[in-house]
């Protein structure tokens, strides 16, 4: 992902069987974020479970958590918000 000429690091915290996680990952990948700039972290296999289990999917850009499940609405406006965060 390039924003203002810089390569950005994006991390998605996810868990197995989470359809929202899969959807958010697809949106992030559709924006052109791919390895090595994209890391998908399964919280079930990590000590991050206690921090993230109620919040996944969580998107972290450049070390800051900027998007999480509670931001997902049924009208689909969340995709615009996520796209904005990835582009800025």
PDB file of N, CA and C in Angstrom:
ATOM      1  N   UNK A   1       0.853  -1.177   0.000  1.00  0.00           N
ATOM      2  CA  UNK A   1       0.000   0.000   0.000  1.00  0.00           C
ATOM      3  C   UNK A   1       0.884   1.219   0.000  1.00  0.00           C
ATOM      4  N   UNK A   2       0.587   2.108  -0.861  1.00  0.00           N
ATOM      5  CA  UNK A   2       1.354   3.341  -0.938  1.00  0.00           C
ATOM      6  C   UNK A   2       0.466   4.514  -0.558  1.00  0.00           C
ATOM      7  N   UNK A   3       0.909   5.295   0.364  1.00  0.00           N
ATOM      8  CA  UNK A   3       0.200   6.508   0.761  1.00  0.00           C
ATOM      9  C   UNK A   3       1.227   7.607   0.883  1.00  0.00           C
ATOM     10  N   UNK A   4       1.028   8.634   0.097  1.00  0.00           N
ATOM     11  CA  UNK A   4       1.975   9.745   0.095  1.00  0.00           C
ATOM     12  C   UNK A   4       3.402   9.265  -0.146  1.00  0.00           C
ATOM     13  N   UNK A   5       3.515   8.273  -1.058  1.00  0.00           N
ATOM     14  CA  UNK A   5       4.827   7.797  -1.449  1.00  0.00           C
ATOM     15  C   UNK A   5       5.504   6.851  -0.476  1.00  0.00           C
ATOM     16  N   UNK A   6       4.801   6.417   0.592  1.00  0.00           N
ATOM     17  CA  UNK A   6       5.397   5.534   1.581  1.00  0.00           C
ATOM     18  C   UNK A   6       4.730   4.167   1.545  1.00  0.00           C
ATOM     19  N   UNK A   7       5.512   3.137   1.807  1.00  0.00           N
ATOM     20  CA  UNK A   7       4.963   1.805   1.978  1.00  0.00           C
ATOM     21  C   UNK A   7       4.509   1.690   3.421  1.00  0.00           C
ATOM     22  N   UNK A   8       3.279   1.208   3.616  1.00  0.00           N
ATOM     23  CA  UNK A   8       2.711   1.125   4.959  1.00  0.00           C
ATOM     24  C   UNK A   8       2.543  -0.329   5.377  1.00  0.00           C
ATOM     25  N   UNK A   9       2.710  -0.578   6.650  1.00  0.00           N
ATOM     26  CA  UNK A   9       2.533  -1.907   7.197  1.00  0.00           C
ATOM     27  C   UNK A   9       1.114  -2.029   7.752  1.00  0.00           C
ATOM     28  N   UNK A  10       0.408  -3.081   7.325  1.00  0.00           N
ATOM     29  CA  UNK A  10      -0.963  -3.323   7.762  1.00  0.00           C
ATOM     30  C   UNK A  10      -1.026  -4.702   8.410  1.00  0.00           C
ATOM     31  N   UNK A  11      -1.633  -4.763   9.593  1.00  0.00           N
ATOM     32  CA  UNK A  11      -1.837  -6.022  10.297  1.00  0.00           C
ATOM     33  C   UNK A  11      -3.335  -6.187  10.518  1.00  0.00           C
ATOM     34  N   UNK A  12      -3.839  -7.391  10.241  1.00  0.00           N
ATOM     35  CA  UNK A  12      -5.234  -7.703  10.539  1.00  0.00           C
ATOM     36  C   UNK A  12      -5.237  -8.776  11.617  1.00  0.00           C
ATOM     37  N   UNK A  13      -5.843  -8.481  12.756  1.00  0.00           N
ATOM     38  CA  UNK A  13      -6.017  -9.468  13.809  1.00  0.00           C
ATOM     39  C   UNK A  13      -7.336 -10.183  13.550  1.00  0.00           C
ATOM     40  N   UNK A  14      -7.299 -11.503  13.516  1.00  0.00           N
ATOM     41  CA  UNK A  14      -8.437 -12.300  13.109  1.00  0.00           C
ATOM     42  C   UNK A  14      -8.517 -13.577  13.938  1.00  0.00           C
ATOM     43  N   UNK A  15      -9.581 -14.341  13.749  1.00  0.00           N
ATOM     44  CA  UNK A  15      -9.680 -15.657  14.378  1.00  0.00           C
ATOM     45  C   UNK A  15     -10.381 -16.609  13.425  1.00  0.00           C
ATOM     46  N   UNK A  16     -10.148 -17.881  13.617  1.00  0.00           N
ATOM     47  CA  UNK A  16     -10.716 -18.908  12.756  1.00  0.00           C
ATOM     48  C   UNK A  16     -12.245 -18.859  12.782  1.00  0.00           C
ATOM     49  N   UNK A  17     -12.847 -19.010  11.599  1.00  0.00           N
ATOM     50  CA  UNK A  17     -14.300 -19.068  11.501  1.00  0.00           C
ATOM     51  C   UNK A  17     -14.994 -17.714  11.566  1.00  0.00           C
ATOM     52  N   UNK A  18     -14.246 -16.645  11.518  1.00  0.00           N
ATOM     53  CA  UNK A  18     -14.819 -15.295  11.610  1.00  0.00           C
ATOM     54  C   UNK A  18     -15.088 -14.766  10.204  1.00  0.00           C
ATOM     55  N   UNK A  19     -16.372 -14.765   9.808  1.00  0.00           N
ATOM     56  CA  UNK A  19     -16.708 -14.305   8.452  1.00  0.00           C
ATOM     57  C   UNK A  19     -16.440 -12.815   8.274  1.00  0.00           C
ATOM     58  N   UNK A  20     -16.588 -12.036   9.325  1.00  0.00           N
ATOM     59  CA  UNK A  20     -16.269 -10.609   9.230  1.00  0.00           C
ATOM     60  C   UNK A  20     -14.774 -10.404   8.996  1.00  0.00           C
ATOM     61  N   UNK A  21     -13.972 -11.235   9.634  1.00  0.00           N
ATOM     62  CA  UNK A  21     -12.525 -11.158   9.439  1.00  0.00           C
ATOM     63  C   UNK A  21     -12.162 -11.430   7.987  1.00  0.00           C
ATOM     64  N   UNK A  22     -12.786 -12.442   7.413  1.00  0.00           N
ATOM     65  CA  UNK A  22     -12.528 -12.786   6.015  1.00  0.00           C
ATOM     66  C   UNK A  22     -12.942 -11.647   5.088  1.00  0.00           C
ATOM     67  N   UNK A  23     -14.071 -11.016   5.381  1.00  0.00           N
ATOM     68  CA  UNK A  23     -14.558  -9.909   4.563  1.00  0.00           C
ATOM     69  C   UNK A  23     -13.623  -8.707   4.640  1.00  0.00           C
ATOM     70  N   UNK A  24     -13.202  -8.370   5.845  1.00  0.00           N
ATOM     71  CA  UNK A  24     -12.290  -7.234   6.020  1.00  0.00           C
ATOM     72  C   UNK A  24     -10.958  -7.524   5.328  1.00  0.00           C
ATOM     73  N   UNK A  25     -10.451  -8.732   5.461  1.00  0.00           N
ATOM     74  CA  UNK A  25      -9.197  -9.081   4.783  1.00  0.00           C
ATOM     75  C   UNK A  25      -9.339  -8.939   3.266  1.00  0.00           C
ATOM     76  N   UNK A  26     -10.467  -9.363   2.724  1.00  0.00           N
ATOM     77  CA  UNK A  26     -10.700  -9.234   1.282  1.00  0.00           C
ATOM     78  C   UNK A  26     -10.708  -7.778   0.845  1.00  0.00           C
ATOM     79  N   UNK A  27     -11.322  -6.907   1.648  1.00  0.00           N
ATOM     80  CA  UNK A  27     -11.347  -5.482   1.320  1.00  0.00           C
ATOM     81  C   UNK A  27      -9.929  -4.907   1.358  1.00  0.00           C
ATOM     82  N   UNK A  28      -9.170  -5.257   2.375  1.00  0.00           N
ATOM     83  CA  UNK A  28      -7.793  -4.756   2.495  1.00  0.00           C
ATOM     84  C   UNK A  28      -6.966  -5.232   1.301  1.00  0.00           C
ATOM     85  N   UNK A  29      -7.108  -6.497   0.942  1.00  0.00           N
ATOM     86  CA  UNK A  29      -6.345  -7.023  -0.204  1.00  0.00           C
ATOM     87  C   UNK A  29      -6.798  -6.361  -1.511  1.00  0.00           C
ATOM     88  N   UNK A  30      -8.088  -6.035  -1.620  1.00  0.00           N
ATOM     89  CA  UNK A  30      -8.576  -5.382  -2.841  1.00  0.00           C
ATOM     90  C   UNK A  30      -8.001  -3.976  -3.003  1.00  0.00           C
ATOM     91  N   UNK A  31      -7.507  -3.411  -1.912  1.00  0.00           N
ATOM     92  CA  UNK A  31      -6.874  -2.094  -1.946  1.00  0.00           C
ATOM     93  C   UNK A  31      -5.400  -2.192  -2.358  1.00  0.00           C
ATOM     94  N   UNK A  32      -4.940  -3.400  -2.621  1.00  0.00           N
ATOM     95  CA  UNK A  32      -3.569  -3.590  -3.073  1.00  0.00           C
ATOM     96  C   UNK A  32      -2.575  -3.856  -1.965  1.00  0.00           C
ATOM     97  N   UNK A  33      -3.053  -4.100  -0.748  1.00  0.00           N
ATOM     98  CA  UNK A  33      -2.150  -4.403   0.355  1.00  0.00           C
ATOM     99  C   UNK A  33      -1.877  -5.907   0.326  1.00  0.00           C
ATOM    100  N   UNK A  34      -0.640  -6.265   0.056  1.00  0.00           N
ATOM    101  CA  UNK A  34      -0.255  -7.679  -0.008  1.00  0.00           C
ATOM    102  C   UNK A  34       1.042  -7.887   0.752  1.00  0.00           C
ATOM    103  N   UNK A  35       1.408  -9.158   0.951  1.00  0.00           N
ATOM    104  CA  UNK A  35       2.673  -9.458   1.588  1.00  0.00           C
ATOM    105  C   UNK A  35       3.780  -8.784   0.795  1.00  0.00           C
ATOM    106  N   UNK A  36       4.810  -8.269   1.405  1.00  0.00           N
ATOM    107  CA  UNK A  36       5.160  -8.351   2.820  1.00  0.00           C
ATOM    108  C   UNK A  36       4.579  -7.221   3.668  1.00  0.00           C
ATOM    109  N   UNK A  37       3.777  -6.347   3.065  1.00  0.00           N
ATOM    110  CA  UNK A  37       3.211  -5.216   3.815  1.00  0.00           C
ATOM    111  C   UNK A  37       1.958  -5.584   4.596  1.00  0.00           C
ATOM    112  N   UNK A  38       1.417  -6.780   4.352  1.00  0.00           N
ATOM    113  CA  UNK A  38       0.214  -7.235   5.051  1.00  0.00           C
ATOM    114  C   UNK A  38       0.556  -8.461   5.875  1.00  0.00           C
ATOM    115  N   UNK A  39       0.159  -8.416   7.129  1.00  0.00           N
ATOM    116  CA  UNK A  39       0.327  -9.562   8.011  1.00  0.00           C
ATOM    117  C   UNK A  39      -1.034  -9.872   8.630  1.00  0.00           C
ATOM    118  N   UNK A  40      -1.442 -11.137   8.540  1.00  0.00           N
ATOM    119  CA  UNK A  40      -2.691 -11.576   9.146  1.00  0.00           C
ATOM    120  C   UNK A  40      -2.329 -12.409  10.371  1.00  0.00           C
ATOM    121  N   UNK A  41      -2.809 -11.978  11.541  1.00  0.00           N
ATOM    122  CA  UNK A  41      -2.461 -12.615  12.803  1.00  0.00           C
ATOM    123  C   UNK A  41      -3.693 -13.299  13.374  1.00  0.00           C
ATOM    124  N   UNK A  42      -3.612 -14.610  13.555  1.00  0.00           N
ATOM    125  CA  UNK A  42      -4.691 -15.388  14.169  1.00  0.00           C
ATOM    126  C   UNK A  42      -4.541 -15.293  15.679  1.00  0.00           C
ATOM    127  N   UNK A  43      -5.468 -14.625  16.332  1.00  0.00           N
ATOM    128  CA  UNK A  43      -5.349 -14.400  17.777  1.00  0.00           C
ATOM    129  C   UNK A  43      -5.554 -15.675  18.584  1.00  0.00           C
ATOM    130  N   UNK A  44      -6.133 -16.714  17.980  1.00  0.00           N
ATOM    131  CA  UNK A  44      -6.310 -17.979  18.695  1.00  0.00           C
ATOM    132  C   UNK A  44      -4.978 -18.677  18.932  1.00  0.00           C
ATOM    133  N   UNK A  45      -3.973 -18.346  18.127  1.00  0.00           N
ATOM    134  CA  UNK A  45      -2.664 -18.963  18.249  1.00  0.00           C
ATOM    135  C   UNK A  45      -1.667 -18.047  18.941  1.00  0.00           C
ATOM    136  N   UNK A  46      -2.150 -17.074  19.667  1.00  0.00           N
ATOM    137  CA  UNK A  46      -1.255 -16.058  20.214  1.00  0.00           C
ATOM    138  C   UNK A  46      -1.776 -15.589  21.568  1.00  0.00           C
ATOM    139  N   UNK A  47      -0.925 -14.948  22.316  1.00  0.00           N
ATOM    140  CA  UNK A  47      -1.353 -14.390  23.602  1.00  0.00           C
ATOM    141  C   UNK A  47      -2.208 -13.138  23.428  1.00  0.00           C
ATOM    142  N   UNK A  48      -2.442 -12.734  22.197  1.00  0.00           N
ATOM    143  CA  UNK A  48      -3.282 -11.568  21.910  1.00  0.00           C
ATOM    144  C   UNK A  48      -4.775 -11.854  22.092  1.00  0.00           C
ATOM    145  N   UNK A  49      -5.114 -13.096  22.315  1.00  0.00           N
ATOM    146  CA  UNK A  49      -6.522 -13.487  22.415  1.00  0.00           C
ATOM    147  C   UNK A  49      -7.287 -12.657  23.439  1.00  0.00           C
ATOM    148  N   UNK A  50      -6.715 -12.479  24.617  1.00  0.00           N
ATOM    149  CA  UNK A  50      -7.433 -11.749  25.675  1.00  0.00           C
ATOM    150  C   UNK A  50      -7.663 -10.282  25.318  1.00  0.00           C
ATOM    151  N   UNK A  51      -6.807  -9.711  24.497  1.00  0.00           N
ATOM    152  CA  UNK A  51      -6.949  -8.315  24.100  1.00  0.00           C
ATOM    153  C   UNK A  51      -7.938  -8.145  22.946  1.00  0.00           C
ATOM    154  N   UNK A  52      -7.918  -9.070  21.996  1.00  0.00           N
ATOM    155  CA  UNK A  52      -8.639  -8.859  20.747  1.00  0.00           C
ATOM    156  C   UNK A  52      -9.880  -9.715  20.527  1.00  0.00           C
ATOM    157  N   UNK A  53     -10.165 -10.727  21.339  1.00  0.00           N
ATOM    158  CA  UNK A  53     -11.206 -11.692  21.006  1.00  0.00           C
ATOM    159  C   UNK A  53     -12.586 -11.093  20.819  1.00  0.00           C
ATOM    160  N   UNK A  54     -12.934 -10.021  21.501  1.00  0.00           N
ATOM    161  CA  UNK A  54     -14.234  -9.372  21.313  1.00  0.00           C
ATOM    162  C   UNK A  54     -14.202  -8.258  20.276  1.00  0.00           C
ATOM    163  N   UNK A  55     -13.021  -7.946  19.753  1.00  0.00           N
ATOM    164  CA  UNK A  55     -12.876  -6.798  18.848  1.00  0.00           C
ATOM    165  C   UNK A  55     -12.611  -7.184  17.400  1.00  0.00           C
ATOM    166  N   UNK A  56     -12.234  -8.449  17.135  1.00  0.00           N
ATOM    167  CA  UNK A  56     -11.847  -8.835  15.771  1.00  0.00           C
ATOM    168  C   UNK A  56     -13.019  -8.757  14.809  1.00  0.00           C
ATOM    169  N   UNK A  57     -12.726  -8.395  13.584  1.00  0.00           N
ATOM    170  CA  UNK A  57     -11.423  -8.095  13.028  1.00  0.00           C
ATOM    171  C   UNK A  57     -10.929  -6.715  13.450  1.00  0.00           C
ATOM    172  N   UNK A  58      -9.639  -6.636  13.694  1.00  0.00           N
ATOM    173  CA  UNK A  58      -8.995  -5.366  14.018  1.00  0.00           C
ATOM    174  C   UNK A  58      -7.919  -5.115  12.970  1.00  0.00           C
ATOM    175  N   UNK A  59      -7.899  -3.899  12.432  1.00  0.00           N
ATOM    176  CA  UNK A  59      -6.887  -3.522  11.453  1.00  0.00           C
ATOM    177  C   UNK A  59      -5.936  -2.527  12.110  1.00  0.00           C
ATOM    178  N   UNK A  60      -4.655  -2.832  12.016  1.00  0.00           N
ATOM    179  CA  UNK A  60      -3.608  -1.970  12.553  1.00  0.00           C
ATOM    180  C   UNK A  60      -2.789  -1.443  11.374  1.00  0.00           C
ATOM    181  N   UNK A  61      -2.623  -0.132  11.320  1.00  0.00           N
ATOM    182  CA  UNK A  61      -1.810   0.491  10.280  1.00  0.00           C
ATOM    183  C   UNK A  61      -0.665   1.231  10.972  1.00  0.00           C
ATOM    184  N   UNK A  62       0.535   0.869  10.572  1.00  0.00           N
ATOM    185  CA  UNK A  62       1.736   1.491  11.129  1.00  0.00           C
ATOM    186  C   UNK A  62       1.723   1.481  12.661  1.00  0.00           C
ATOM    187  N   UNK A  63       1.343   0.348  13.245  1.00  0.00           N
ATOM    188  CA  UNK A  63       1.408   0.178  14.691  1.00  0.00           C
ATOM    189  C   UNK A  63       0.238   0.726  15.479  1.00  0.00           C
ATOM    190  N   UNK A  64      -0.783   1.263  14.798  1.00  0.00           N
ATOM    191  CA  UNK A  64      -1.934   1.835  15.502  1.00  0.00           C
ATOM    192  C   UNK A  64      -3.211   1.117  15.070  1.00  0.00           C
ATOM    193  N   UNK A  65      -3.982   0.622  16.050  1.00  0.00           N
ATOM    194  CA  UNK A  65      -5.266  -0.005  15.758  1.00  0.00           C
ATOM    195  C   UNK A  65      -6.244   1.077  15.320  1.00  0.00           C
ATOM    196  N   UNK A  66      -6.701   0.987  14.063  1.00  0.00           N
ATOM    197  CA  UNK A  66      -7.533   2.050  13.493  1.00  0.00           C
ATOM    198  C   UNK A  66      -8.933   1.597  13.109  1.00  0.00           C
ATOM    199  N   UNK A  67      -9.182   0.285  13.136  1.00  0.00           N
ATOM    200  CA  UNK A  67     -10.475  -0.222  12.700  1.00  0.00           C
ATOM    201  C   UNK A  67     -10.758  -1.513  13.450  1.00  0.00           C
ATOM    202  N   UNK A  68     -12.030  -1.689  13.884  1.00  0.00           N
ATOM    203  CA  UNK A  68     -12.409  -2.933  14.549  1.00  0.00           C
ATOM    204  C   UNK A  68     -13.876  -3.243  14.296  1.00  0.00           C
ATOM    205  N   UNK A  69     -14.289  -4.416  14.725  1.00  0.00           N
ATOM    206  CA  UNK A  69     -15.609  -4.949  14.408  1.00  0.00           C
ATOM    207  C   UNK A  69     -16.752  -3.988  14.733  1.00  0.00           C
ATOM    208  N   UNK A  70     -16.668  -3.268  15.828  1.00  0.00           N
ATOM    209  CA  UNK A  70     -17.780  -2.391  16.210  1.00  0.00           C
ATOM    210  C   UNK A  70     -18.019  -1.273  15.197  1.00  0.00           C
ATOM    211  N   UNK A  71     -17.075  -1.064  14.287  1.00  0.00           N
ATOM    212  CA  UNK A  71     -17.230  -0.030  13.263  1.00  0.00           C
ATOM    213  C   UNK A  71     -17.991  -0.551  12.035  1.00  0.00           C
ATOM    214  N   UNK A  72     -18.258  -1.858  12.008  1.00  0.00           N
ATOM    215  CA  UNK A  72     -18.938  -2.454  10.858  1.00  0.00           C
ATOM    216  C   UNK A  72     -20.443  -2.243  11.003  1.00  0.00           C
ATOM    217  N   UNK A  73     -21.040  -1.604  10.006  1.00  0.00           N
ATOM    218  CA  UNK A  73     -22.480  -1.344  10.010  1.00  0.00           C
ATOM    219  C   UNK A  73     -23.144  -2.164   8.903  1.00  0.00           C
ATOM    220  N   UNK A  74     -24.434  -2.313   9.011  1.00  0.00           N
ATOM    221  CA  UNK A  74     -25.164  -3.111   8.027  1.00  0.00           C
ATOM    222  C   UNK A  74     -25.342  -2.406   6.695  1.00  0.00           C
ATOM    223  N   UNK A  75     -25.210  -1.093   6.670  1.00  0.00           N
ATOM    224  CA  UNK A  75     -25.389  -0.337   5.430  1.00  0.00           C
ATOM    225  C   UNK A  75     -24.152  -0.392   4.537  1.00  0.00           C
ATOM    226  N   UNK A  76     -23.052  -0.907   5.063  1.00  0.00           N
ATOM    227  CA  UNK A  76     -21.843  -1.013   4.267  1.00  0.00           C
ATOM    228  C   UNK A  76     -20.966   0.216   4.248  1.00  0.00           C
ATOM    229  N   UNK A  77     -21.304   1.213   5.047  1.00  0.00           N
ATOM    230  CA  UNK A  77     -20.483   2.432   5.110  1.00  0.00           C
ATOM    231  C   UNK A  77     -19.088   2.139   5.660  1.00  0.00           C
ATOM    232  N   UNK A  78     -18.954   1.046   6.392  1.00  0.00           N
ATOM    233  CA  UNK A  78     -17.669   0.702   6.982  1.00  0.00           C
ATOM    234  C   UNK A  78     -16.591   0.501   5.919  1.00  0.00           C
ATOM    235  N   UNK A  79     -16.987   0.042   4.740  1.00  0.00           N
ATOM    236  CA  UNK A  79     -16.002  -0.168   3.678  1.00  0.00           C
ATOM    237  C   UNK A  79     -15.387   1.160   3.243  1.00  0.00           C
ATOM    238  N   UNK A  80     -16.197   2.204   3.207  1.00  0.00           N
ATOM    239  CA  UNK A  80     -15.677   3.536   2.862  1.00  0.00           C
ATOM    240  C   UNK A  80     -14.716   4.019   3.941  1.00  0.00           C
ATOM    241  N   UNK A  81     -15.060   3.792   5.204  1.00  0.00           N
ATOM    242  CA  UNK A  81     -14.198   4.206   6.311  1.00  0.00           C
ATOM    243  C   UNK A  81     -12.859   3.472   6.259  1.00  0.00           C
ATOM    244  N   UNK A  82     -12.921   2.169   6.019  1.00  0.00           N
ATOM    245  CA  UNK A  82     -11.699   1.372   5.962  1.00  0.00           C
ATOM    246  C   UNK A  82     -10.842   1.786   4.780  1.00  0.00           C
ATOM    247  N   UNK A  83     -11.464   2.013   3.649  1.00  0.00           N
ATOM    248  CA  UNK A  83     -10.739   2.463   2.465  1.00  0.00           C
ATOM    249  C   UNK A  83     -10.048   3.792   2.736  1.00  0.00           C
ATOM    250  N   UNK A  84     -10.752   4.710   3.380  1.00  0.00           N
ATOM    251  CA  UNK A  84     -10.177   6.012   3.723  1.00  0.00           C
ATOM    252  C   UNK A  84      -8.939   5.830   4.615  1.00  0.00           C
ATOM    253  N   UNK A  85      -9.059   4.984   5.626  1.00  0.00           N
ATOM    254  CA  UNK A  85      -7.943   4.759   6.538  1.00  0.00           C
ATOM    255  C   UNK A  85      -6.734   4.160   5.826  1.00  0.00           C
ATOM    256  N   UNK A  86      -6.990   3.296   4.863  1.00  0.00           N
ATOM    257  CA  UNK A  86      -5.897   2.662   4.125  1.00  0.00           C
ATOM    258  C   UNK A  86      -5.238   3.626   3.147  1.00  0.00           C
ATOM    259  N   UNK A  87      -6.003   4.596   2.658  1.00  0.00           N
ATOM    260  CA  UNK A  87      -5.478   5.527   1.659  1.00  0.00           C
ATOM    261  C   UNK A  87      -4.799   6.743   2.254  1.00  0.00           C
ATOM    262  N   UNK A  88      -5.131   7.099   3.504  1.00  0.00           N
ATOM    263  CA  UNK A  88      -4.579   8.353   4.046  1.00  0.00           C
ATOM    264  C   UNK A  88      -3.143   8.250   4.440  1.00  0.00           C
TER     265      UNK A  88
END
